[in-house]
PDB file of N, CA and C in Angstrom:
ATOM      1  N   MET A   1      93.332  63.632 106.684  1.00  0.00           N
ATOM      2  CA  MET A   1      93.723  65.004 106.687  1.00  0.00           C
ATOM      3  C   MET A   1      92.551  65.280 108.347  1.00  0.00           C
ATOM      4  N   SER A   2      93.518  65.577 109.913  1.00  0.00           N
ATOM      5  CA  SER A   2      93.206  66.348 110.588  1.00  0.00           C
ATOM      6  C   SER A   2      92.427  66.974 110.947  1.00  0.00           C
ATOM      7  N   GLU A   3      91.003  67.035 111.925  1.00  0.00           N
ATOM      8  CA  GLU A   3      89.926  68.043 111.648  1.00  0.00           C
ATOM      9  C   GLU A   3      90.660  69.522 112.010  1.00  0.00           C
ATOM     10  N   GLU A   4      92.312  69.612 112.672  1.00  0.00           N
ATOM     11  CA  GLU A   4      92.650  70.189 113.122  1.00  0.00           C
ATOM     12  C   GLU A   4      93.079  71.092 111.622  1.00  0.00           C
ATOM     13  N   ASN A   5      93.830  70.380 111.157  1.00  0.00           N
ATOM     14  CA  ASN A   5      94.615  70.957 110.338  1.00  0.00           C
ATOM     15  C   ASN A   5      93.496  70.995 109.172  1.00  0.00           C
ATOM     16  N   HIS A   6      92.489  70.384 108.776  1.00  0.00           N
ATOM     17  CA  HIS A   6      91.156  71.066 108.147  1.00  0.00           C
ATOM     18  C   HIS A   6      90.670  72.358 108.339  1.00  0.00           C
ATOM     19  N   LEU A   7      90.784  73.276 109.765  1.00  0.00           N
ATOM     20  CA  LEU A   7      90.547  74.526 109.403  1.00  0.00           C
ATOM     21  C   LEU A   7      91.429  75.751 110.337  1.00  0.00           C
ATOM     22  N   SER A   8      92.519  74.813 109.208  1.00  0.00           N
ATOM     23  CA  SER A   8      93.269  76.550 110.079  1.00  0.00           C
ATOM     24  C   SER A   8      93.034  77.770 108.978  1.00  0.00           C
ATOM     25  N   TYR A   9      93.079  78.744 110.288  1.00  0.00           N
ATOM     26  CA  TYR A   9      93.212  80.149 109.543  1.00  0.00           C
ATOM     27  C   TYR A   9      93.890  81.122 110.743  1.00  0.00           C
ATOM     28  N   TYR A  10      93.947  82.416 110.485  1.00  0.00           N
ATOM     29  CA  TYR A  10      95.213  83.226 111.131  1.00  0.00           C
ATOM     30  C   TYR A  10      93.761  84.378 111.369  1.00  0.00           C
ATOM     31  N   LYS A  11      93.278  85.283 112.668  1.00  0.00           N
ATOM     32  CA  LYS A  11      92.662  86.084 113.097  1.00  0.00           C
ATOM     33  C   LYS A  11      93.388  86.357 113.857  1.00  0.00           C
ATOM     34  N   ALA A  12      93.223  88.151 113.101  1.00  0.00           N
ATOM     35  CA  ALA A  12      94.187  89.147 114.453  1.00  0.00           C
ATOM     36  C   ALA A  12      93.408  89.522 114.954  1.00  0.00           C
ATOM     37  N   ALA A  13      93.658  90.021 116.161  1.00  0.00           N
ATOM     38  CA  ALA A  13      93.122  90.607 117.643  1.00  0.00           C
ATOM     39  C   ALA A  13      92.555  91.853 117.724  1.00  0.00           C
ATOM     40  N   GLU A  14      91.256  91.666 117.512  1.00  0.00           N
ATOM     41  CA  GLU A  14      90.323  93.297 117.530  1.00  0.00           C
ATOM     42  C   GLU A  14      90.862  94.208 116.256  1.00  0.00           C
ATOM     43  N   PRO A  15      91.028  93.581 115.064  1.00  0.00           N
ATOM     44  CA  PRO A  15      91.280  94.524 113.755  1.00  0.00           C
ATOM     45  C   PRO A  15      90.743  95.752 113.445  1.00  0.00           C
ATOM     46  N   GLY A  16      90.986  97.065 113.162  1.00  0.00           N
ATOM     47  CA  GLY A  16      89.774  97.735 112.954  1.00  0.00           C
ATOM     48  C   GLY A  16      89.540  98.375 111.842  1.00  0.00           C
ATOM     49  N   PRO A  17      89.257  98.635 111.995  1.00  0.00           N
ATOM     50  CA  PRO A  17      88.323  98.759 109.968  1.00  0.00           C
ATOM     51  C   PRO A  17      88.946  99.694 109.370  1.00  0.00           C
ATOM     52  N   GLU A  18      90.341  99.859 109.590  1.00  0.00           N
ATOM     53  CA  GLU A  18      91.603 100.284 107.969  1.00  0.00           C
ATOM     54  C   GLU A  18      92.608  98.956 108.528  1.00  0.00           C
ATOM     55  N   ASP A  19      92.431  97.895 109.700  1.00  0.00           N
ATOM     56  CA  ASP A  19      93.244  97.410 109.224  1.00  0.00           C
ATOM     57  C   ASP A  19      93.254  96.055 108.328  1.00  0.00           C
ATOM     58  N   GLU A  20      94.324  95.795 108.108  1.00  0.00           N
ATOM     59  CA  GLU A  20      94.652  94.820 106.747  1.00  0.00           C
ATOM     60  C   GLU A  20      94.922  92.909 107.481  1.00  0.00           C
ATOM     61  N   VAL A  21      93.786  92.102 106.966  1.00  0.00           N
ATOM     62  CA  VAL A  21      94.446  90.580 107.987  1.00  0.00           C
ATOM     63  C   VAL A  21      94.725  89.426 107.025  1.00  0.00           C
ATOM     64  N   THR A  22      95.749  89.391 106.988  1.00  0.00           N
ATOM     65  CA  THR A  22      95.811  88.135 106.309  1.00  0.00           C
ATOM     66  C   THR A  22      96.190  86.854 106.442  1.00  0.00           C
ATOM     67  N   VAL A  23      94.728  85.874 105.609  1.00  0.00           N
ATOM     68  CA  VAL A  23      94.565  84.681 106.373  1.00  0.00           C
ATOM     69  C   VAL A  23      95.443  83.868 105.574  1.00  0.00           C
ATOM     70  N   PHE A  24      96.013  82.600 105.730  1.00  0.00           N
ATOM     71  CA  PHE A  24      96.303  81.603 105.130  1.00  0.00           C
ATOM     72  C   PHE A  24      95.610  80.659 105.549  1.00  0.00           C
ATOM     73  N   LEU A  25      94.859  79.804 104.110  1.00  0.00           N
ATOM     74  CA  LEU A  25      93.889  78.768 104.095  1.00  0.00           C
ATOM     75  C   LEU A  25      94.570  77.410 103.274  1.00  0.00           C
ATOM     76  N   GLN A  26      94.471  76.482 103.805  1.00  0.00           N
ATOM     77  CA  GLN A  26      95.202  75.462 103.258  1.00  0.00           C
ATOM     78  C   GLN A  26      94.010  74.765 103.236  1.00  0.00           C
ATOM     79  N   LEU A  27      94.268  73.974 101.575  1.00  0.00           N
ATOM     80  CA  LEU A  27      92.685  72.815 101.697  1.00  0.00           C
ATOM     81  C   LEU A  27      92.501  71.926 100.612  1.00  0.00           C
ATOM     82  N   PRO A  28      92.037  70.790 100.650  1.00  0.00           N
ATOM     83  CA  PRO A  28      92.151  69.802  99.179  1.00  0.00           C
ATOM     84  C   PRO A  28      91.827  70.525  98.025  1.00  0.00           C
ATOM     85  N   ALA A  29      92.139  70.150  96.967  1.00  0.00           N
ATOM     86  CA  ALA A  29      92.096  70.432  95.918  1.00  0.00           C
ATOM     87  C   ALA A  29      90.631  70.768  94.983  1.00  0.00           C
ATOM     88  N   GLU A  30      90.054  69.328  96.438  1.00  0.00           N
ATOM     89  CA  GLU A  30      88.108  69.166  95.776  1.00  0.00           C
ATOM     90  C   GLU A  30      87.725  70.019  96.698  1.00  0.00           C
ATOM     91  N   GLU A  31      87.755  70.864  97.849  1.00  0.00           N
ATOM     92  CA  GLU A  31      86.805  71.693  98.402  1.00  0.00           C
ATOM     93  C   GLU A  31      87.596  73.261  97.851  1.00  0.00           C
ATOM     94  N   ALA A  32      88.523  73.148  97.864  1.00  0.00           N
ATOM     95  CA  ALA A  32      88.321  74.632  96.695  1.00  0.00           C
ATOM     96  C   ALA A  32      88.269  74.993  95.174  1.00  0.00           C
ATOM     97  N   GLU A  33      87.494  73.376  94.303  1.00  0.00           N
ATOM     98  CA  GLU A  33      87.469  74.342  93.161  1.00  0.00           C
ATOM     99  C   GLU A  33      85.551  74.143  94.131  1.00  0.00           C
ATOM    100  N   ALA A  34      85.221  73.555  95.024  1.00  0.00           N
ATOM    101  CA  ALA A  34      83.794  73.593  95.655  1.00  0.00           C
ATOM    102  C   ALA A  34      83.403  75.552  96.291  1.00  0.00           C
ATOM    103  N   LEU A  35      84.114  75.715  96.250  1.00  0.00           N
ATOM    104  CA  LEU A  35      84.268  77.042  97.783  1.00  0.00           C
ATOM    105  C   LEU A  35      84.359  78.680  96.369  1.00  0.00           C
ATOM    106  N   ALA A  36      85.579  77.147  95.170  1.00  0.00           N
ATOM    107  CA  ALA A  36      85.413  78.643  93.867  1.00  0.00           C
ATOM    108  C   ALA A  36      83.616  79.311  93.173  1.00  0.00           C
ATOM    109  N   GLN A  37      83.013  77.426  93.164  1.00  0.00           N
ATOM    110  CA  GLN A  37      82.056  77.457  92.892  1.00  0.00           C
ATOM    111  C   GLN A  37      81.027  78.414  93.107  1.00  0.00           C
ATOM    112  N   LEU A  38      81.275  78.290  94.786  1.00  0.00           N
ATOM    113  CA  LEU A  38      80.192  79.038  95.747  1.00  0.00           C
ATOM    114  C   LEU A  38      80.646  80.564  95.335  1.00  0.00           C
ATOM    115  N   VAL A  39      81.702  81.090  95.478  1.00  0.00           N
ATOM    116  CA  VAL A  39      81.271  82.361  96.108  1.00  0.00           C
ATOM    117  C   VAL A  39      81.439  82.993  94.100  1.00  0.00           C
ATOM    118  N   LYS A  40      81.726  82.407  92.865  1.00  0.00           N
ATOM    119  CA  LYS A  40      81.115  82.646  91.889  1.00  0.00           C
ATOM    120  C   LYS A  40      79.880  83.054  91.951  1.00  0.00           C
ATOM    121  N   ARG A  41      79.041  81.937  92.090  1.00  0.00           N
ATOM    122  CA  ARG A  41      77.460  81.766  92.334  1.00  0.00           C
ATOM    123  C   ARG A  41      76.471  82.767  93.532  1.00  0.00           C
ATOM    124  N   GLN A  42      77.273  83.492  94.168  1.00  0.00           N
ATOM    125  CA  GLN A  42      76.479  84.047  95.217  1.00  0.00           C
ATOM    126  C   GLN A  42      76.514  85.230  94.363  1.00  0.00           C
ATOM    127  N   THR A  43      75.533  86.437  95.227  1.00  0.00           N
ATOM    128  CA  THR A  43      74.156  87.142  94.152  1.00  0.00           C
ATOM    129  C   THR A  43      74.946  88.169  95.530  1.00  0.00           C
ATOM    130  N   PHE A  44      74.621  89.552  95.231  1.00  0.00           N
ATOM    131  CA  PHE A  44      74.678  90.405  95.897  1.00  0.00           C
ATOM    132  C   PHE A  44      72.472  90.225  97.055  1.00  0.00           C
ATOM    133  N   ASP A  45      72.232  89.421  96.312  1.00  0.00           N
ATOM    134  CA  ASP A  45      70.790  89.396  97.499  1.00  0.00           C
ATOM    135  C   ASP A  45      71.547  87.799  98.634  1.00  0.00           C
ATOM    136  N   ASP A  46      72.363  87.407  98.547  1.00  0.00           N
ATOM    137  CA  ASP A  46      73.086  86.853  99.228  1.00  0.00           C
ATOM    138  C   ASP A  46      73.091  86.924 100.459  1.00  0.00           C
ATOM    139  N   TYR A  47      73.938  88.164  99.665  1.00  0.00           N
ATOM    140  CA  TYR A  47      74.946  89.042 101.030  1.00  0.00           C
ATOM    141  C   TYR A  47      73.807  89.827 101.722  1.00  0.00           C
ATOM    142  N   LEU A  48      72.995  90.604 100.983  1.00  0.00           N
ATOM    143  CA  LEU A  48      71.807  91.037 102.417  1.00  0.00           C
ATOM    144  C   LEU A  48      71.123  90.368 103.071  1.00  0.00           C
ATOM    145  N   ASP A  49      71.057  88.571 102.174  1.00  0.00           N
ATOM    146  CA  ASP A  49      69.608  88.438 103.443  1.00  0.00           C
ATOM    147  C   ASP A  49      70.633  88.024 104.237  1.00  0.00           C
ATOM    148  N   ARG A  50      72.431  88.061 104.612  1.00  0.00           N
ATOM    149  CA  ARG A  50      72.427  86.975 105.820  1.00  0.00           C
ATOM    150  C   ARG A  50      73.593  88.365 106.763  1.00  0.00           C
ATOM    151  N   ALA A  51      73.226  89.231 106.012  1.00  0.00           N
ATOM    152  CA  ALA A  51      73.932  90.684 106.940  1.00  0.00           C
ATOM    153  C   ALA A  51      73.215  91.629 107.793  1.00  0.00           C
ATOM    154  N   ALA A  52      73.604  91.750 108.097  1.00  0.00           N
ATOM    155  CA  ALA A  52      73.072  93.047 109.336  1.00  0.00           C
ATOM    156  C   ALA A  52      72.572  94.453 109.252  1.00  0.00           C
ATOM    157  N   ASP A  53      73.249  94.836 107.549  1.00  0.00           N
ATOM    158  CA  ASP A  53      72.906  96.088 107.186  1.00  0.00           C
ATOM    159  C   ASP A  53      73.311  95.922 105.730  1.00  0.00           C
ATOM    160  N   GLU A  54      73.219  96.861 105.253  1.00  0.00           N
ATOM    161  CA  GLU A  54      73.812  97.039 103.466  1.00  0.00           C
ATOM    162  C   GLU A  54      75.024  97.024 103.304  1.00  0.00           C
ATOM    163  N   ASP A  55      75.675  98.484 104.610  1.00  0.00           N
ATOM    164  CA  ASP A  55      76.701  98.369 104.839  1.00  0.00           C
ATOM    165  C   ASP A  55      78.415  97.134 104.275  1.00  0.00           C
ATOM    166  N   GLU A  56      77.546  96.496 105.153  1.00  0.00           N
ATOM    167  CA  GLU A  56      77.860  94.922 105.966  1.00  0.00           C
ATOM    168  C   GLU A  56      78.318  94.565 104.583  1.00  0.00           C
ATOM    169  N   ALA A  57      76.760  94.241 103.773  1.00  0.00           N
ATOM    170  CA  ALA A  57      76.116  93.233 102.397  1.00  0.00           C
ATOM    171  C   ALA A  57      77.781  93.368 101.686  1.00  0.00           C
ATOM    172  N   TYR A  58      78.215  94.483 101.514  1.00  0.00           N
ATOM    173  CA  TYR A  58      78.643  95.245 100.700  1.00  0.00           C
ATOM    174  C   TYR A  58      80.755  94.809 100.848  1.00  0.00           C
ATOM    175  N   ARG A  59      80.723  95.014 102.603  1.00  0.00           N
ATOM    176  CA  ARG A  59      81.753  94.446 102.443  1.00  0.00           C
ATOM    177  C   ARG A  59      82.358  92.761 102.460  1.00  0.00           C
ATOM    178  N   MET A  60      81.015  91.897 102.555  1.00  0.00           N
ATOM    179  CA  MET A  60      81.097  90.601 102.251  1.00  0.00           C
ATOM    180  C   MET A  60      80.760  89.858 100.982  1.00  0.00           C
ATOM    181  N   ARG A  61      80.420  91.181 100.041  1.00  0.00           N
ATOM    182  CA  ARG A  61      80.978  90.908  98.719  1.00  0.00           C
ATOM    183  C   ARG A  61      81.987  91.561  97.888  1.00  0.00           C
ATOM    184  N   GLY A  62      82.529  92.575  98.779  1.00  0.00           N
ATOM    185  CA  GLY A  62      84.509  93.057  98.624  1.00  0.00           C
ATOM    186  C   GLY A  62      84.838  92.049  98.825  1.00  0.00           C
ATOM    187  N   ALA A  63      85.136  91.405 100.109  1.00  0.00           N
ATOM    188  CA  ALA A  63      85.865  90.158 100.295  1.00  0.00           C
ATOM    189  C   ALA A  63      85.413  88.940 100.284  1.00  0.00           C
ATOM    190  N   SER A  64      84.766  88.800  99.706  1.00  0.00           N
ATOM    191  CA  SER A  64      84.484  87.514  98.348  1.00  0.00           C
ATOM    192  C   SER A  64      85.181  87.917  96.788  1.00  0.00           C
ATOM    193  N   PHE A  65      85.129  89.081  96.727  1.00  0.00           N
ATOM    194  CA  PHE A  65      85.594  89.196  95.257  1.00  0.00           C
ATOM    195  C   PHE A  65      87.012  89.368  95.431  1.00  0.00           C
ATOM    196  N   LYS A  66      88.058  88.923  96.968  1.00  0.00           N
ATOM    197  CA  LYS A  66      88.918  88.971  96.868  1.00  0.00           C
ATOM    198  C   LYS A  66      89.203  88.311  96.870  1.00  0.00           C
ATOM    199  N   LEU A  67      88.383  86.726  97.669  1.00  0.00           N
ATOM    200  CA  LEU A  67      87.861  84.719  97.827  1.00  0.00           C
ATOM    201  C   LEU A  67      88.539  85.007  96.699  1.00  0.00           C
ATOM    202  N   ARG A  68      87.797  85.163  95.260  1.00  0.00           N
ATOM    203  CA  ARG A  68      87.546  84.818  94.497  1.00  0.00           C
ATOM    204  C   ARG A  68      88.936  84.532  93.050  1.00  0.00           C
ATOM    205  N   ARG A  69      89.293  86.256  93.433  1.00  0.00           N
ATOM    206  CA  ARG A  69      90.396  86.574  92.611  1.00  0.00           C
ATOM    207  C   ARG A  69      91.873  85.629  93.289  1.00  0.00           C
ATOM    208  N   ALA A  70      91.627  85.013  94.682  1.00  0.00           N
ATOM    209  CA  ALA A  70      92.767  84.777  95.504  1.00  0.00           C
ATOM    210  C   ALA A  70      92.358  83.072  94.710  1.00  0.00           C
ATOM    211  N   LEU A  71      91.119  82.533  94.406  1.00  0.00           N
ATOM    212  CA  LEU A  71      90.934  80.729  94.282  1.00  0.00           C
ATOM    213  C   LEU A  71      91.470  81.196  92.624  1.00  0.00           C
ATOM    214  N   ALA A  72      91.249  81.673  91.757  1.00  0.00           N
ATOM    215  CA  ALA A  72      91.906  82.337  90.654  1.00  0.00           C
ATOM    216  C   ALA A  72      93.130  81.439  90.254  1.00  0.00           C
ATOM    217  N   GLU A  73      94.143  82.503  90.940  1.00  0.00           N
ATOM    218  CA  GLU A  73      95.485  82.876  91.224  1.00  0.00           C
ATOM    219  C   GLU A  73      96.089  81.851  91.688  1.00  0.00           C
ATOM    220  N   ALA A  74      95.146  81.079  91.892  1.00  0.00           N
ATOM    221  CA  ALA A  74      95.731  79.528  92.942  1.00  0.00           C
ATOM    222  C   ALA A  74      95.105  78.447  91.821  1.00  0.00           C
ATOM    223  N   GLY A  75      94.740  78.908  90.524  1.00  0.00           N
ATOM    224  CA  GLY A  75      93.577  78.187  89.369  1.00  0.00           C
ATOM    225  C   GLY A  75      92.862  77.143  89.356  1.00  0.00           C
ATOM    226  N   PHE A  76      91.786  78.774  90.239  1.00  0.00           N
ATOM    227  CA  PHE A  76      90.106  77.719  90.519  1.00  0.00           C
ATOM    228  C   PHE A  76      89.926  78.679  90.225  1.00  0.00           C
ATOM    229  N   ALA A  77      89.617  78.478  88.950  1.00  0.00           N
ATOM    230  CA  ALA A  77      88.013  79.714  88.125  1.00  0.00           C
ATOM    231  C   ALA A  77      87.235  79.225  87.173  1.00  0.00           C
ATOM    232  N   PRO A  78      86.637  78.812  87.541  1.00  0.00           N
ATOM    233  CA  PRO A  78      84.973  78.172  87.058  1.00  0.00           C
ATOM    234  C   PRO A  78      84.625  79.311  86.513  1.00  0.00           C
ATOM    235  N   ARG A  79      84.109  78.305  85.266  1.00  0.00           N
ATOM    236  CA  ARG A  79      83.193  79.360  83.907  1.00  0.00           C
ATOM    237  C   ARG A  79      81.749  79.653  84.360  1.00  0.00           C
TER     238      ARG A  79
END
């Protein structure tokens, strides 16, 4: 798989705080499984360590929960 195909993504131009953004992602099953493991293992402290402030940490966690749900719906739900 080429690097170009490997990093496919869509980003809305200047989304506002209430705008919805749809992300389409295609990746090998092996990477989907690894990503599912990552989002399963992240803790709130991980988000706090990387966020600019607590509000951003909560937004990161919320987005991660949505990603985890999407991966589960695609058949990648590690226990």
